[in-house]
């Protein structure tokens, strides 16, 4: 069996992107459009929000936009998980 393209890793292996010759930000945005729901502990959400923050200053506008959207969702999920809600 011959494979012409290397297999993806992580979430990119299970969620196809719409285009093959795209920037990392465009691939992330395309993949995130398919993600609807996930259940994770709040500390993982907080860590993810911190890890994605540097991408807010990425030179690629699609990467900045995707990072901002994801970070906003992460912060909203953290806020919704606050005690007393």
PDB file of N, CA and C in Angstrom:
ATOM      1  N   UNK A   1       0.846  -1.169   0.000  1.00  0.00           N
ATOM      2  CA  UNK A   1       0.000   0.000   0.000  1.00  0.00           C
ATOM      3  C   UNK A   1       0.889   1.229   0.000  1.00  0.00           C
ATOM      4  N   UNK A   2       0.595   2.183  -0.866  1.00  0.00           N
ATOM      5  CA  UNK A   2       1.367   3.410  -0.969  1.00  0.00           C
ATOM      6  C   UNK A   2       0.505   4.582  -0.536  1.00  0.00           C
ATOM      7  N   UNK A   3       1.059   5.430   0.299  1.00  0.00           N
ATOM      8  CA  UNK A   3       0.343   6.614   0.771  1.00  0.00           C
ATOM      9  C   UNK A   3       1.046   7.825   0.183  1.00  0.00           C
ATOM     10  N   UNK A   4       0.301   8.676  -0.520  1.00  0.00           N
ATOM     11  CA  UNK A   4       0.909   9.833  -1.169  1.00  0.00           C
ATOM     12  C   UNK A   4       1.083  11.003  -0.213  1.00  0.00           C
ATOM     13  N   UNK A   5       0.285  11.084   0.834  1.00  0.00           N
ATOM     14  CA  UNK A   5       0.390  12.161   1.806  1.00  0.00           C
ATOM     15  C   UNK A   5       0.581  11.553   3.187  1.00  0.00           C
ATOM     16  N   UNK A   6       1.384  12.217   4.037  1.00  0.00           N
ATOM     17  CA  UNK A   6       1.527  11.695   5.396  1.00  0.00           C
ATOM     18  C   UNK A   6       0.208  11.815   6.149  1.00  0.00           C
ATOM     19  N   UNK A   7      -0.031  10.864   7.032  1.00  0.00           N
ATOM     20  CA  UNK A   7      -1.245  10.900   7.834  1.00  0.00           C
ATOM     21  C   UNK A   7      -1.161  12.020   8.855  1.00  0.00           C
ATOM     22  N   UNK A   8      -2.299  12.647   9.153  1.00  0.00           N
ATOM     23  CA  UNK A   8      -2.352  13.695  10.148  1.00  0.00           C
ATOM     24  C   UNK A   8      -2.228  13.122  11.545  1.00  0.00           C
ATOM     25  N   UNK A   9      -1.991  14.002  12.500  1.00  0.00           N
ATOM     26  CA  UNK A   9      -1.899  13.575  13.883  1.00  0.00           C
ATOM     27  C   UNK A   9      -2.924  14.334  14.696  1.00  0.00           C
ATOM     28  N   UNK A  10      -3.323  13.773  15.795  1.00  0.00           N
ATOM     29  CA  UNK A  10      -4.256  14.432  16.694  1.00  0.00           C
ATOM     30  C   UNK A  10      -5.615  14.637  16.048  1.00  0.00           C
ATOM     31  N   UNK A  11      -6.222  15.771  16.357  1.00  0.00           N
ATOM     32  CA  UNK A  11      -7.574  16.053  15.879  1.00  0.00           C
ATOM     33  C   UNK A  11      -7.609  16.204  14.364  1.00  0.00           C
ATOM     34  N   UNK A  12      -6.515  16.645  13.753  1.00  0.00           N
ATOM     35  CA  UNK A  12      -6.501  16.813  12.294  1.00  0.00           C
ATOM     36  C   UNK A  12      -6.611  15.480  11.569  1.00  0.00           C
ATOM     37  N   UNK A  13      -6.306  14.383  12.245  1.00  0.00           N
ATOM     38  CA  UNK A  13      -6.415  13.069  11.622  1.00  0.00           C
ATOM     39  C   UNK A  13      -7.870  12.615  11.502  1.00  0.00           C
ATOM     40  N   UNK A  14      -8.736  13.132  12.357  1.00  0.00           N
ATOM     41  CA  UNK A  14     -10.127  12.688  12.347  1.00  0.00           C
ATOM     42  C   UNK A  14     -11.093  13.716  11.792  1.00  0.00           C
ATOM     43  N   UNK A  15     -10.657  14.971  11.682  1.00  0.00           N
ATOM     44  CA  UNK A  15     -11.513  16.019  11.142  1.00  0.00           C
ATOM     45  C   UNK A  15     -10.856  16.560   9.883  1.00  0.00           C
ATOM     46  N   UNK A  16     -11.430  16.288   8.723  1.00  0.00           N
ATOM     47  CA  UNK A  16     -10.798  16.736   7.482  1.00  0.00           C
ATOM     48  C   UNK A  16     -10.882  18.249   7.317  1.00  0.00           C
ATOM     49  N   UNK A  17      -9.870  18.814   6.695  1.00  0.00           N
ATOM     50  CA  UNK A  17      -9.919  20.232   6.376  1.00  0.00           C
ATOM     51  C   UNK A  17     -10.476  20.388   4.967  1.00  0.00           C
ATOM     52  N   UNK A  18     -11.056  21.543   4.684  1.00  0.00           N
ATOM     53  CA  UNK A  18     -11.723  21.769   3.412  1.00  0.00           C
ATOM     54  C   UNK A  18     -10.737  21.938   2.262  1.00  0.00           C
ATOM     55  N   UNK A  19      -9.542  22.432   2.539  1.00  0.00           N
ATOM     56  CA  UNK A  19      -8.563  22.689   1.492  1.00  0.00           C
ATOM     57  C   UNK A  19      -7.260  22.010   1.848  1.00  0.00           C
ATOM     58  N   UNK A  20      -6.472  21.665   0.828  1.00  0.00           N
ATOM     59  CA  UNK A  20      -5.207  20.998   1.111  1.00  0.00           C
ATOM     60  C   UNK A  20      -4.048  21.989   1.217  1.00  0.00           C
ATOM     61  N   UNK A  21      -4.066  23.079   0.462  1.00  0.00           N
ATOM     62  CA  UNK A  21      -2.976  24.055   0.492  1.00  0.00           C
ATOM     63  C   UNK A  21      -3.436  25.286   1.263  1.00  0.00           C
ATOM     64  N   UNK A  22      -3.484  25.172   2.584  1.00  0.00           N
ATOM     65  CA  UNK A  22      -3.985  26.257   3.415  1.00  0.00           C
ATOM     66  C   UNK A  22      -2.964  26.609   4.480  1.00  0.00           C
ATOM     67  N   UNK A  23      -3.184  27.757   5.113  1.00  0.00           N
ATOM     68  CA  UNK A  23      -2.329  28.160   6.230  1.00  0.00           C
ATOM     69  C   UNK A  23      -2.759  27.400   7.470  1.00  0.00           C
ATOM     70  N   UNK A  24      -1.911  27.351   8.493  1.00  0.00           N
ATOM     71  CA  UNK A  24      -2.322  26.681   9.739  1.00  0.00           C
ATOM     72  C   UNK A  24      -3.598  27.285  10.322  1.00  0.00           C
ATOM     73  N   UNK A  25      -3.748  28.579  10.244  1.00  0.00           N
ATOM     74  CA  UNK A  25      -4.950  29.228  10.768  1.00  0.00           C
ATOM     75  C   UNK A  25      -6.206  28.831  10.008  1.00  0.00           C
ATOM     76  N   UNK A  26      -6.087  28.724   8.696  1.00  0.00           N
ATOM     77  CA  UNK A  26      -7.232  28.313   7.890  1.00  0.00           C
ATOM     78  C   UNK A  26      -7.603  26.862   8.184  1.00  0.00           C
ATOM     79  N   UNK A  27      -6.604  26.018   8.376  1.00  0.00           N
ATOM     80  CA  UNK A  27      -6.890  24.613   8.724  1.00  0.00           C
ATOM     81  C   UNK A  27      -7.565  24.531  10.085  1.00  0.00           C
ATOM     82  N   UNK A  28      -7.065  25.312  11.042  1.00  0.00           N
ATOM     83  CA  UNK A  28      -7.657  25.298  12.382  1.00  0.00           C
ATOM     84  C   UNK A  28      -9.103  25.770  12.329  1.00  0.00           C
ATOM     85  N   UNK A  29      -9.352  26.849  11.607  1.00  0.00           N
ATOM     86  CA  UNK A  29     -10.716  27.366  11.506  1.00  0.00           C
ATOM     87  C   UNK A  29     -11.639  26.334  10.866  1.00  0.00           C
ATOM     88  N   UNK A  30     -11.173  25.680   9.818  1.00  0.00           N
ATOM     89  CA  UNK A  30     -11.974  24.662   9.140  1.00  0.00           C
ATOM     90  C   UNK A  30     -12.283  23.499  10.071  1.00  0.00           C
ATOM     91  N   UNK A  31     -11.293  23.054  10.818  1.00  0.00           N
ATOM     92  CA  UNK A  31     -11.484  21.924  11.720  1.00  0.00           C
ATOM     93  C   UNK A  31     -12.391  22.296  12.883  1.00  0.00           C
ATOM     94  N   UNK A  32     -12.272  23.509  13.388  1.00  0.00           N
ATOM     95  CA  UNK A  32     -13.081  23.925  14.524  1.00  0.00           C
ATOM     96  C   UNK A  32     -14.553  24.079  14.160  1.00  0.00           C
ATOM     97  N   UNK A  33     -14.836  24.318  12.884  1.00  0.00           N
ATOM     98  CA  UNK A  33     -16.225  24.413  12.463  1.00  0.00           C
ATOM     99  C   UNK A  33     -16.969  23.098  12.692  1.00  0.00           C
ATOM    100  N   UNK A  34     -16.255  21.984  12.700  1.00  0.00           N
ATOM    101  CA  UNK A  34     -16.865  20.669  12.874  1.00  0.00           C
ATOM    102  C   UNK A  34     -17.000  20.274  14.346  1.00  0.00           C
ATOM    103  N   UNK A  35     -16.296  20.943  15.212  1.00  0.00           N
ATOM    104  CA  UNK A  35     -16.324  20.602  16.633  1.00  0.00           C
ATOM    105  C   UNK A  35     -17.532  21.269  17.283  1.00  0.00           C
ATOM    106  N   UNK A  36     -18.391  20.482  17.863  1.00  0.00           N
ATOM    107  CA  UNK A  36     -19.615  21.020  18.469  1.00  0.00           C
ATOM    108  C   UNK A  36     -19.618  20.951  19.993  1.00  0.00           C
ATOM    109  N   UNK A  37     -19.057  19.917  20.567  1.00  0.00           N
ATOM    110  CA  UNK A  37     -19.153  19.767  22.011  1.00  0.00           C
ATOM    111  C   UNK A  37     -18.015  18.893  22.519  1.00  0.00           C
ATOM    112  N   UNK A  38     -17.512  19.256  23.684  1.00  0.00           N
ATOM    113  CA  UNK A  38     -16.485  18.457  24.350  1.00  0.00           C
ATOM    114  C   UNK A  38     -16.658  18.645  25.849  1.00  0.00           C
ATOM    115  N   UNK A  39     -16.354  17.612  26.607  1.00  0.00           N
ATOM    116  CA  UNK A  39     -16.436  17.676  28.061  1.00  0.00           C
ATOM    117  C   UNK A  39     -15.041  17.449  28.617  1.00  0.00           C
ATOM    118  N   UNK A  40     -14.523  18.482  29.305  1.00  0.00           N
ATOM    119  CA  UNK A  40     -13.187  18.411  29.897  1.00  0.00           C
ATOM    120  C   UNK A  40     -13.202  19.125  31.243  1.00  0.00           C
ATOM    121  N   UNK A  41     -12.269  18.796  32.128  1.00  0.00           N
ATOM    122  CA  UNK A  41     -12.188  19.481  33.417  1.00  0.00           C
ATOM    123  C   UNK A  41     -11.828  20.965  33.236  1.00  0.00           C
ATOM    124  N   UNK A  42     -12.321  21.802  34.131  1.00  0.00           N
ATOM    125  CA  UNK A  42     -12.068  23.242  34.065  1.00  0.00           C
ATOM    126  C   UNK A  42     -10.566  23.567  34.031  1.00  0.00           C
ATOM    127  N   UNK A  43      -9.712  22.903  34.811  1.00  0.00           N
ATOM    128  CA  UNK A  43      -8.281  23.229  34.715  1.00  0.00           C
ATOM    129  C   UNK A  43      -7.702  23.000  33.316  1.00  0.00           C
ATOM    130  N   UNK A  44      -8.237  22.038  32.602  1.00  0.00           N
ATOM    131  CA  UNK A  44      -7.779  21.812  31.226  1.00  0.00           C
ATOM    132  C   UNK A  44      -8.214  22.972  30.335  1.00  0.00           C
ATOM    133  N   UNK A  45      -9.434  23.471  30.538  1.00  0.00           N
ATOM    134  CA  UNK A  45      -9.901  24.637  29.789  1.00  0.00           C
ATOM    135  C   UNK A  45      -9.019  25.850  30.065  1.00  0.00           C
ATOM    136  N   UNK A  46      -8.683  26.060  31.328  1.00  0.00           N
ATOM    137  CA  UNK A  46      -7.836  27.198  31.697  1.00  0.00           C
ATOM    138  C   UNK A  46      -6.449  27.074  31.071  1.00  0.00           C
ATOM    139  N   UNK A  47      -5.891  25.872  31.092  1.00  0.00           N
ATOM    140  CA  UNK A  47      -4.578  25.663  30.477  1.00  0.00           C
ATOM    141  C   UNK A  47      -4.642  25.896  28.967  1.00  0.00           C
ATOM    142  N   UNK A  48      -5.700  25.425  28.337  1.00  0.00           N
ATOM    143  CA  UNK A  48      -5.850  25.620  26.890  1.00  0.00           C
ATOM    144  C   UNK A  48      -5.972  27.091  26.551  1.00  0.00           C
ATOM    145  N   UNK A  49      -6.721  27.847  27.370  1.00  0.00           N
ATOM    146  CA  UNK A  49      -6.858  29.288  27.138  1.00  0.00           C
ATOM    147  C   UNK A  49      -5.504  29.988  27.237  1.00  0.00           C
ATOM    148  N   UNK A  50      -4.690  29.573  28.197  1.00  0.00           N
ATOM    149  CA  UNK A  50      -3.355  30.156  28.331  1.00  0.00           C
ATOM    150  C   UNK A  50      -2.449  29.766  27.173  1.00  0.00           C
ATOM    151  N   UNK A  51      -2.539  28.525  26.741  1.00  0.00           N
ATOM    152  CA  UNK A  51      -1.682  28.050  25.658  1.00  0.00           C
ATOM    153  C   UNK A  51      -2.021  28.683  24.311  1.00  0.00           C
ATOM    154  N   UNK A  52      -3.278  29.010  24.104  1.00  0.00           N
ATOM    155  CA  UNK A  52      -3.672  29.576  22.814  1.00  0.00           C
ATOM    156  C   UNK A  52      -3.456  31.091  22.762  1.00  0.00           C
ATOM    157  N   UNK A  53      -3.310  31.728  23.903  1.00  0.00           N
ATOM    158  CA  UNK A  53      -3.167  33.187  23.959  1.00  0.00           C
ATOM    159  C   UNK A  53      -2.040  33.728  23.071  1.00  0.00           C
ATOM    160  N   UNK A  54      -0.863  33.104  23.004  1.00  0.00           N
ATOM    161  CA  UNK A  54       0.190  33.651  22.130  1.00  0.00           C
ATOM    162  C   UNK A  54      -0.203  33.688  20.649  1.00  0.00           C
ATOM    163  N   UNK A  55      -1.137  32.840  20.237  1.00  0.00           N
ATOM    164  CA  UNK A  55      -1.557  32.833  18.833  1.00  0.00           C
ATOM    165  C   UNK A  55      -2.394  34.055  18.479  1.00  0.00           C
ATOM    166  N   UNK A  56      -2.827  34.803  19.489  1.00  0.00           N
ATOM    167  CA  UNK A  56      -3.585  36.024  19.230  1.00  0.00           C
ATOM    168  C   UNK A  56      -2.723  37.076  18.533  1.00  0.00           C
ATOM    169  N   UNK A  57      -1.398  36.931  18.612  1.00  0.00           N
ATOM    170  CA  UNK A  57      -0.469  37.863  17.974  1.00  0.00           C
ATOM    171  C   UNK A  57       0.198  37.267  16.737  1.00  0.00           C
ATOM    172  N   UNK A  58      -0.323  36.158  16.225  1.00  0.00           N
ATOM    173  CA  UNK A  58       0.260  35.500  15.052  1.00  0.00           C
ATOM    174  C   UNK A  58       0.150  36.405  13.828  1.00  0.00           C
ATOM    175  N   UNK A  59       1.151  36.391  12.942  1.00  0.00           N
ATOM    176  CA  UNK A  59       1.078  37.219  11.735  1.00  0.00           C
ATOM    177  C   UNK A  59      -0.038  36.808  10.768  1.00  0.00           C
ATOM    178  N   UNK A  60      -0.483  35.566  10.844  1.00  0.00           N
ATOM    179  CA  UNK A  60      -1.539  35.090   9.951  1.00  0.00           C
ATOM    180  C   UNK A  60      -2.903  35.509  10.489  1.00  0.00           C
ATOM    181  N   UNK A  61      -3.669  36.303   9.735  1.00  0.00           N
ATOM    182  CA  UNK A  61      -4.969  36.765  10.238  1.00  0.00           C
ATOM    183  C   UNK A  61      -5.950  35.632  10.535  1.00  0.00           C
ATOM    184  N   UNK A  62      -5.926  34.571   9.747  1.00  0.00           N
ATOM    185  CA  UNK A  62      -6.839  33.444  10.006  1.00  0.00           C
ATOM    186  C   UNK A  62      -6.486  32.757  11.320  1.00  0.00           C
ATOM    187  N   UNK A  63      -5.188  32.661  11.617  1.00  0.00           N
ATOM    188  CA  UNK A  63      -4.757  32.070  12.883  1.00  0.00           C
ATOM    189  C   UNK A  63      -5.214  32.942  14.050  1.00  0.00           C
ATOM    190  N   UNK A  64      -5.029  34.262  13.923  1.00  0.00           N
ATOM    191  CA  UNK A  64      -5.472  35.178  14.989  1.00  0.00           C
ATOM    192  C   UNK A  64      -6.973  35.067  15.214  1.00  0.00           C
ATOM    193  N   UNK A  65      -7.727  35.025  14.127  1.00  0.00           N
ATOM    194  CA  UNK A  65      -9.184  34.947  14.241  1.00  0.00           C
ATOM    195  C   UNK A  65      -9.617  33.639  14.897  1.00  0.00           C
ATOM    196  N   UNK A  66      -9.035  32.529  14.462  1.00  0.00           N
ATOM    197  CA  UNK A  66      -9.386  31.231  15.041  1.00  0.00           C
ATOM    198  C   UNK A  66      -8.987  31.179  16.509  1.00  0.00           C
ATOM    199  N   UNK A  67      -7.804  31.679  16.833  1.00  0.00           N
ATOM    200  CA  UNK A  67      -7.346  31.671  18.227  1.00  0.00           C
ATOM    201  C   UNK A  67      -8.263  32.517  19.100  1.00  0.00           C
ATOM    202  N   UNK A  68      -8.671  33.673  18.597  1.00  0.00           N
ATOM    203  CA  UNK A  68      -9.573  34.533  19.364  1.00  0.00           C
ATOM    204  C   UNK A  68     -10.919  33.880  19.608  1.00  0.00           C
ATOM    205  N   UNK A  69     -11.446  33.231  18.579  1.00  0.00           N
ATOM    206  CA  UNK A  69     -12.744  32.564  18.714  1.00  0.00           C
ATOM    207  C   UNK A  69     -12.662  31.401  19.693  1.00  0.00           C
ATOM    208  N   UNK A  70     -11.612  30.606  19.579  1.00  0.00           N
ATOM    209  CA  UNK A  70     -11.451  29.450  20.479  1.00  0.00           C
ATOM    210  C   UNK A  70     -11.238  29.921  21.911  1.00  0.00           C
ATOM    211  N   UNK A  71     -10.390  30.928  22.083  1.00  0.00           N
ATOM    212  CA  UNK A  71     -10.119  31.427  23.440  1.00  0.00           C
ATOM    213  C   UNK A  71     -11.395  31.984  24.076  1.00  0.00           C
ATOM    214  N   UNK A  72     -12.199  32.703  23.286  1.00  0.00           N
ATOM    215  CA  UNK A  72     -13.464  33.223  23.805  1.00  0.00           C
ATOM    216  C   UNK A  72     -14.390  32.088  24.249  1.00  0.00           C
ATOM    217  N   UNK A  73     -14.441  31.015  23.459  1.00  0.00           N
ATOM    218  CA  UNK A  73     -15.262  29.864  23.843  1.00  0.00           C
ATOM    219  C   UNK A  73     -14.739  29.196  25.110  1.00  0.00           C
ATOM    220  N   UNK A  74     -13.415  29.084  25.209  1.00  0.00           N
ATOM    221  CA  UNK A  74     -12.825  28.481  26.404  1.00  0.00           C
ATOM    222  C   UNK A  74     -13.134  29.316  27.646  1.00  0.00           C
ATOM    223  N   UNK A  75     -12.969  30.630  27.534  1.00  0.00           N
ATOM    224  CA  UNK A  75     -13.232  31.505  28.680  1.00  0.00           C
ATOM    225  C   UNK A  75     -14.712  31.495  29.056  1.00  0.00           C
ATOM    226  N   UNK A  76     -15.595  31.429  28.065  1.00  0.00           N
ATOM    227  CA  UNK A  76     -17.036  31.345  28.347  1.00  0.00           C
ATOM    228  C   UNK A  76     -17.374  30.033  29.050  1.00  0.00           C
ATOM    229  N   UNK A  77     -16.742  28.956  28.623  1.00  0.00           N
ATOM    230  CA  UNK A  77     -16.988  27.656  29.269  1.00  0.00           C
ATOM    231  C   UNK A  77     -16.503  27.666  30.712  1.00  0.00           C
ATOM    232  N   UNK A  78     -15.361  28.317  30.943  1.00  0.00           N
ATOM    233  CA  UNK A  78     -14.850  28.437  32.317  1.00  0.00           C
ATOM    234  C   UNK A  78     -15.807  29.240  33.166  1.00  0.00           C
ATOM    235  N   UNK A  79     -16.301  30.328  32.619  1.00  0.00           N
ATOM    236  CA  UNK A  79     -17.245  31.186  33.346  1.00  0.00           C
ATOM    237  C   UNK A  79     -18.551  30.438  33.660  1.00  0.00           C
ATOM    238  N   UNK A  80     -19.033  29.664  32.681  1.00  0.00           N
ATOM    239  CA  UNK A  80     -20.266  28.898  32.881  1.00  0.00           C
ATOM    240  C   UNK A  80     -20.103  27.804  33.928  1.00  0.00           C
ATOM    241  N   UNK A  81     -18.870  27.342  34.116  1.00  0.00           N
ATOM    242  CA  UNK A  81     -18.612  26.259  35.069  1.00  0.00           C
ATOM    243  C   UNK A  81     -18.373  26.783  36.481  1.00  0.00           C
ATOM    244  N   UNK A  82     -18.423  28.098  36.645  1.00  0.00           N
ATOM    245  CA  UNK A  82     -18.164  28.683  37.958  1.00  0.00           C
ATOM    246  C   UNK A  82     -19.208  28.193  38.972  1.00  0.00           C
ATOM    247  N   UNK A  83     -18.776  27.980  40.217  1.00  0.00           N
ATOM    248  CA  UNK A  83     -19.709  27.529  41.257  1.00  0.00           C
ATOM    249  C   UNK A  83     -20.890  28.490  41.407  1.00  0.00           C
ATOM    250  N   UNK A  84     -22.046  27.941  41.671  1.00  0.00           N
ATOM    251  CA  UNK A  84     -23.237  28.772  41.875  1.00  0.00           C
ATOM    252  C   UNK A  84     -23.997  29.055  40.602  1.00  0.00           C
ATOM    253  N   UNK A  85     -23.602  28.455  39.494  1.00  0.00           N
ATOM    254  CA  UNK A  85     -24.339  28.669  38.239  1.00  0.00           C
ATOM    255  C   UNK A  85     -25.188  27.484  37.930  1.00  0.00           C
TER     256      UNK A  85
END
